[in-house]
Structure formats: C-alpha cells, structure tokens
Amino acid sequence: MTEVINLKSAEHYTWGTNCDGWHFLNTENLSIIRECVPPDGVEVKHYHEHASQFFYILSGVCTMVLGSRTITMRAGEGCNIAPGTIHQLINNDSEDLHFLVISTPKSHGDRVVVP
C-alpha cells in the first residue's frame, strides 16, 4: 500500500552543524531527501564515485561550488551533479535553505571527502 510521505512521517536525521534531512525515499537505486541548511551552513567539499545527484531549491538561496566554478540557485532552480564532480553546498543567505536532493543510486556511503 502506498503511504503519504511528509516531514512528520519521513525518517529524519541531522548532519553537519544544525542541518536536517528527511528521507522521502531511500532505496539502493534511488534516494529522495529534503534538507534544511541554516544560515552560514556549509557541507564539506566532496564527490560521489557512483551517484548522480540533482539538487532542487524549494526556498532560500544556495551557493554551489562545482570544482573551480560557483553557481547560485534560488527557489524553483536546480542543478545536476555527475559522479566524480567535486562539489560543496553553502548557505550564505540570512534565511534557511530548503531543497530536495535526488540521487541515483543512493549517495549515502558513496561520498569521498576532499581536503
């Protein structure tokens, strides 16, 4: 039977400093996560060996460092990140950043941190 998935029913986890994530879908082949990054929140620079990811901004302003390039995304915008692409998500804004990250296959356990 299909269940309605929302922030109350999804599996919640925390990461980094005060960042939240909710697994909307968590299978070996596909992961859909909603995340919230507070102002000045930063993810470590990393890449995924196998996972391709699509980030879709729900609210706030996202700064994404992709190798030597930096892009800014706002609500209703997104970007695809291919496996092997070094990336880092940053919230330089004064409001929380809410976004979806869709990964295939799932990205947990596939992250390589870059010094």
C-alpha atoms as a PDB file:
ATOM      1  CA  MET A   1       0.000   0.000   0.000  1.00  0.00           C
ATOM      2  CA  THR A   2       1.263   3.468  -0.863  1.00  0.00           C
ATOM      3  CA  GLU A   3       1.763   5.838   2.051  1.00  0.00           C
ATOM      4  CA  VAL A   4       1.717   9.614   2.118  1.00  0.00           C
ATOM      5  CA  ILE A   5       5.229  10.832   2.908  1.00  0.00           C
ATOM      6  CA  ASN A   6       5.803  14.193   4.575  1.00  0.00           C
ATOM      7  CA  LEU A   7       8.166  15.798   7.093  1.00  0.00           C
ATOM      8  CA  LYS A   8       6.350  14.106  10.003  1.00  0.00           C
ATOM      9  CA  SER A   9       6.368  10.594   8.556  1.00  0.00           C
ATOM     10  CA  ALA A  10       9.779  10.590   6.816  1.00  0.00           C
ATOM     11  CA  GLU A  11      12.907   9.261   8.534  1.00  0.00           C
ATOM     12  CA  HIS A  12      14.735  12.300   9.982  1.00  0.00           C
ATOM     13  CA  TYR A  13      18.476  12.691  10.510  1.00  0.00           C
ATOM     14  CA  THR A  14      20.885  15.511  11.287  1.00  0.00           C
ATOM     15  CA  TRP A  15      24.214  16.288   9.671  1.00  0.00           C
ATOM     16  CA  GLY A  16      26.923  18.934   9.852  1.00  0.00           C
ATOM     17  CA  THR A  17      26.159  21.733  12.276  1.00  0.00           C
ATOM     18  CA  ASN A  18      22.387  22.106  12.776  1.00  0.00           C
ATOM     19  CA  CYS A  19      21.409  20.709   9.344  1.00  0.00           C
ATOM     20  CA  ASP A  20      18.382  18.453   8.921  1.00  0.00           C
ATOM     21  CA  GLY A  21      17.471  15.792   6.398  1.00  0.00           C
ATOM     22  CA  TRP A  22      14.330  13.737   5.764  1.00  0.00           C
ATOM     23  CA  HIS A  23      14.406  10.563   3.663  1.00  0.00           C
ATOM     24  CA  PHE A  24      11.338  10.712   1.435  1.00  0.00           C
ATOM     25  CA  LEU A  25      12.594   7.665  -0.481  1.00  0.00           C
ATOM     26  CA  ASN A  26      15.591   5.539   0.465  1.00  0.00           C
ATOM     27  CA  THR A  27      16.285   2.589  -1.822  1.00  0.00           C
ATOM     28  CA  GLU A  28      19.539   1.233  -3.235  1.00  0.00           C
ATOM     29  CA  ASN A  29      18.786   2.701  -6.681  1.00  0.00           C
ATOM     30  CA  LEU A  30      17.061   5.974  -5.799  1.00  0.00           C
ATOM     31  CA  SER A  31      17.186   8.413  -2.896  1.00  0.00           C
ATOM     32  CA  ILE A  32      14.993  11.485  -2.444  1.00  0.00           C
ATOM     33  CA  ILE A  33      15.872  13.672   0.522  1.00  0.00           C
ATOM     34  CA  ARG A  34      14.572  17.017   1.702  1.00  0.00           C
ATOM     35  CA  GLU A  35      17.201  19.001   3.553  1.00  0.00           C
ATOM     36  CA  CYS A  36      17.373  22.234   5.529  1.00  0.00           C
ATOM     37  CA  VAL A  37      20.624  24.168   5.961  1.00  0.00           C
ATOM     38  CA  PRO A  38      20.583  27.168   8.320  1.00  0.00           C
ATOM     39  CA  PRO A  39      22.308  30.488   7.534  1.00  0.00           C
ATOM     40  CA  ASP A  40      26.110  30.088   7.268  1.00  0.00           C
ATOM     41  CA  GLY A  41      25.700  26.302   6.957  1.00  0.00           C
ATOM     42  CA  VAL A  42      28.300  24.549   4.818  1.00  0.00           C
ATOM     43  CA  GLU A  43      28.637  20.995   3.585  1.00  0.00           C
ATOM     44  CA  VAL A  44      32.138  19.539   3.329  1.00  0.00           C
ATOM     45  CA  LYS A  45      33.731  19.529  -0.128  1.00  0.00           C
ATOM     46  CA  HIS A  46      33.278  16.046  -1.599  1.00  0.00           C
ATOM     47  CA  TYR A  47      32.321  13.933  -4.594  1.00  0.00           C
ATOM     48  CA  HIS A  48      30.434  10.705  -5.181  1.00  0.00           C
ATOM     49  CA  GLU A  49      32.024   7.809  -7.022  1.00  0.00           C
ATOM     50  CA  HIS A  50      28.770   6.369  -8.359  1.00  0.00           C
ATOM     51  CA  ALA A  51      25.824   8.611  -7.511  1.00  0.00           C
ATOM     52  CA  SER A  52      24.449  11.241  -9.842  1.00  0.00           C
ATOM     53  CA  GLN A  53      22.612  13.957  -7.909  1.00  0.00           C
ATOM     54  CA  PHE A  54      20.011  16.571  -8.740  1.00  0.00           C
ATOM     55  CA  PHE A  55      19.560  19.469  -6.294  1.00  0.00           C
ATOM     56  CA  TYR A  56      16.258  21.373  -6.481  1.00  0.00           C
ATOM     57  CA  ILE A  57      15.839  24.518  -4.377  1.00  0.00           C
ATOM     58  CA  LEU A  58      12.500  24.889  -2.552  1.00  0.00           C
ATOM     59  CA  SER A  59      13.298  28.131  -0.675  1.00  0.00           C
ATOM     60  CA  GLY A  60      16.309  30.226   0.213  1.00  0.00           C
ATOM     61  CA  VAL A  61      19.486  30.835  -1.771  1.00  0.00           C
ATOM     62  CA  CYS A  62      22.018  28.096  -2.459  1.00  0.00           C
ATOM     63  CA  THR A  63      25.647  28.656  -3.365  1.00  0.00           C
ATOM     64  CA  MET A  64      27.073  25.531  -5.001  1.00  0.00           C
ATOM     65  CA  VAL A  65      30.778  25.190  -5.658  1.00  0.00           C
ATOM     66  CA  LEU A  66      31.346  22.805  -8.567  1.00  0.00           C
ATOM     67  CA  GLY A  67      35.072  22.241  -8.994  1.00  0.00           C
ATOM     68  CA  SER A  68      36.507  25.703  -9.752  1.00  0.00           C
ATOM     69  CA  ARG A  69      33.083  27.157 -10.649  1.00  0.00           C
ATOM     70  CA  THR A  70      30.445  28.658  -8.323  1.00  0.00           C
ATOM     71  CA  ILE A  71      26.735  28.925  -9.135  1.00  0.00           C
ATOM     72  CA  THR A  72      23.833  30.469  -7.224  1.00  0.00           C
ATOM     73  CA  MET A  73      20.377  28.874  -7.227  1.00  0.00           C
ATOM     74  CA  ARG A  74      17.076  30.156  -5.899  1.00  0.00           C
ATOM     75  CA  ALA A  75      13.626  28.628  -5.383  1.00  0.00           C
ATOM     76  CA  GLY A  76      12.461  26.813  -8.500  1.00  0.00           C
ATOM     77  CA  GLU A  77      16.010  26.225  -9.797  1.00  0.00           C
ATOM     78  CA  GLY A  78      18.244  23.177  -9.697  1.00  0.00           C
ATOM     79  CA  CYS A  79      21.403  21.572 -10.996  1.00  0.00           C
ATOM     80  CA  ASN A  80      22.618  18.109 -11.907  1.00  0.00           C
ATOM     81  CA  ILE A  81      25.916  16.868 -10.487  1.00  0.00           C
ATOM     82  CA  ALA A  82      27.581  13.953 -12.273  1.00  0.00           C
ATOM     83  CA  PRO A  83      29.534  11.266 -10.408  1.00  0.00           C
ATOM     84  CA  GLY A  84      33.114  12.338  -9.751  1.00  0.00           C
ATOM     85  CA  THR A  85      32.271  16.066  -9.681  1.00  0.00           C
ATOM     86  CA  ILE A  86      33.721  17.792  -6.619  1.00  0.00           C
ATOM     87  CA  HIS A  87      31.017  19.926  -5.031  1.00  0.00           C
ATOM     88  CA  GLN A  88      30.153  21.874  -1.899  1.00  0.00           C
ATOM     89  CA  LEU A  89      26.795  23.348  -0.868  1.00  0.00           C
ATOM     90  CA  ILE A  90      26.828  26.620   1.100  1.00  0.00           C
ATOM     91  CA  ASN A  91      24.067  28.778   2.583  1.00  0.00           C
ATOM     92  CA  ASN A  92      25.461  32.336   2.566  1.00  0.00           C
ATOM     93  CA  ASP A  93      21.968  33.796   2.990  1.00  0.00           C
ATOM     94  CA  SER A  94      20.235  35.043   6.152  1.00  0.00           C
ATOM     95  CA  GLU A  95      17.350  32.543   5.788  1.00  0.00           C
ATOM     96  CA  ASP A  96      17.184  28.751   5.958  1.00  0.00           C
ATOM     97  CA  LEU A  97      17.867  26.907   2.713  1.00  0.00           C
ATOM     98  CA  HIS A  98      15.360  24.139   1.877  1.00  0.00           C
ATOM     99  CA  PHE A  99      15.980  21.802  -1.050  1.00  0.00           C
ATOM    100  CA  LEU A 100      15.484  18.328  -2.460  1.00  0.00           C
ATOM    101  CA  VAL A 101      18.435  16.172  -3.401  1.00  0.00           C
ATOM    102  CA  ILE A 102      17.646  13.245  -5.673  1.00  0.00           C
ATOM    103  CA  SER A 103      20.393  10.644  -6.074  1.00  0.00           C
ATOM    104  CA  THR A 104      20.735   7.586  -8.272  1.00  0.00           C
ATOM    105  CA  PRO A 105      21.979   5.262  -6.977  1.00  0.00           C
ATOM    106  CA  LYS A 106      21.711   6.441  -3.359  1.00  0.00           C
ATOM    107  CA  SER A 107      24.587   8.696  -2.264  1.00  0.00           C
ATOM    108  CA  HIS A 108      24.908   7.657   1.398  1.00  0.00           C
ATOM    109  CA  GLY A 109      28.025   5.510   1.697  1.00  0.00           C
ATOM    110  CA  ASP A 110      29.329   6.816  -1.654  1.00  0.00           C
ATOM    111  CA  ARG A 111      30.868  10.131  -0.510  1.00  0.00           C
ATOM    112  CA  VAL A 112      34.587  10.872  -0.768  1.00  0.00           C
ATOM    113  CA  VAL A 113      35.660  13.940   1.246  1.00  0.00           C
ATOM    114  CA  VAL A 114      38.151  16.251  -0.485  1.00  0.00           C
ATOM    115  CA  PRO A 115      40.685  18.032   1.753  1.00  0.00           C
END
